[in-house]
Amino acid sequence: MANNDPPELVRTHYEITVTVPTLEEQKQLQIDSAVPVLVTSETVMDSTEKAVMNVITRYRGDRCQLSGIVLLPRKKTKQGIVGE
């Protein structure tokens, strides 16, 4: 990274929880209080450990499927290939 280059994005922290819906969530998601809400949170960190993006999403717990792909970068180091 050159002196003028912005810090690189280096990691993402994910959190997945299930909660009881608030009154606002019940209205927005058109659910009653018995339907759980799946909450996902993603925080992207740069190379200085600064959070540069945070995304929180809420889904109906009775009509959702969560799937994703994680790409693992591979880098050669003195100790071998990291990220496999």
Protein backbone atom coordinates (compact mmCIF):
# COMPACT_ATOMS: atom_id res chain seq x y z
CA MET A 1 0.00 0.00 0.00
CA ALA A 2 1.52 3.34 -1.06
CA ASN A 3 1.28 6.38 1.21
CA ASN A 4 -1.65 7.88 -0.75
CA ASP A 5 -3.58 4.63 -1.11
CA PRO A 6 -6.62 4.12 1.12
CA PRO A 7 -6.42 1.23 3.62
CA GLU A 8 -7.42 -2.16 2.22
CA LEU A 9 -10.56 -3.97 3.31
CA VAL A 10 -9.23 -6.98 5.21
CA ARG A 11 -12.00 -8.75 7.10
CA THR A 12 -15.71 -8.98 7.70
CA HIS A 13 -17.37 -9.84 11.00
CA TYR A 14 -20.76 -11.57 10.68
CA GLU A 15 -23.33 -12.03 13.39
CA ILE A 16 -26.64 -13.85 13.04
CA THR A 17 -29.29 -13.73 15.74
CA VAL A 18 -32.99 -14.45 16.17
CA THR A 19 -35.11 -11.98 18.12
CA VAL A 20 -38.70 -11.31 19.12
CA PRO A 21 -40.10 -8.68 16.74
CA THR A 22 -40.64 -5.12 17.84
CA LEU A 23 -43.96 -3.45 17.05
CA GLU A 24 -42.30 -1.61 14.14
CA GLU A 25 -40.85 -4.86 12.76
CA GLN A 26 -44.26 -6.52 13.03
CA LYS A 27 -45.74 -3.71 10.94
CA GLN A 28 -42.90 -3.56 8.37
CA LEU A 29 -42.60 -7.33 7.95
CA GLN A 30 -46.37 -7.92 8.23
CA ILE A 31 -46.01 -10.51 11.01
CA ASP A 32 -47.49 -11.05 14.44
CA SER A 33 -45.55 -11.21 17.68
CA ALA A 34 -45.15 -15.01 17.49
CA VAL A 35 -43.01 -14.88 14.32
CA PRO A 36 -39.28 -14.55 15.10
CA VAL A 37 -37.04 -12.11 13.24
CA LEU A 38 -33.70 -13.27 11.83
CA VAL A 39 -31.17 -10.45 12.15
CA THR A 40 -27.88 -10.44 10.25
CA SER A 41 -25.10 -7.95 10.91
CA GLU A 42 -22.00 -7.49 8.76
CA THR A 43 -19.14 -5.17 9.72
CA VAL A 44 -16.30 -4.65 7.23
CA MET A 45 -12.92 -3.66 8.67
CA ASP A 46 -9.97 -2.05 6.91
CA SER A 47 -6.28 -2.73 7.46
CA THR A 48 -6.18 -0.15 10.29
CA GLU A 49 -8.97 -2.07 12.10
CA LYS A 50 -11.44 0.74 11.41
CA ALA A 51 -15.03 -0.27 10.69
CA VAL A 52 -15.83 1.11 7.23
CA MET A 53 -19.26 -0.43 6.67
CA ASN A 54 -21.97 -1.94 8.85
CA VAL A 55 -25.08 -3.55 7.37
CA ILE A 56 -27.94 -4.85 9.52
CA THR A 57 -30.76 -6.73 7.84
CA ARG A 58 -33.94 -8.18 9.31
CA TYR A 59 -35.92 -11.06 7.83
CA ARG A 60 -39.15 -12.84 8.69
CA GLY A 61 -38.13 -15.92 10.63
CA ASP A 62 -40.89 -18.01 9.04
CA ARG A 63 -39.96 -17.28 5.41
CA CYS A 64 -36.22 -17.05 5.04
CA GLN A 65 -33.20 -19.02 3.98
CA LEU A 66 -29.73 -17.65 4.53
CA SER A 67 -26.84 -18.80 2.38
CA GLY A 68 -23.60 -17.25 1.24
CA ILE A 69 -20.20 -17.70 -0.28
CA VAL A 70 -16.93 -16.81 1.42
CA LEU A 71 -13.87 -16.41 -0.79
CA LEU A 72 -10.65 -17.24 1.00
CA PRO A 73 -7.66 -15.40 -0.43
CA ARG A 74 -4.42 -17.34 -0.72
CA LYS A 75 -1.13 -15.64 -0.06
CA LYS A 76 2.41 -17.01 -0.12
CA THR A 77 4.38 -16.29 3.06
CA LYS A 78 7.67 -17.51 4.52
CA GLN A 79 5.64 -20.06 6.51
CA GLY A 80 3.84 -21.37 3.42
CA ILE A 81 0.52 -20.62 1.73
CA VAL A 82 -2.02 -19.00 4.05
CA GLY A 83 -5.78 -18.96 3.55
CA GLU A 84 -6.34 -22.52 2.39
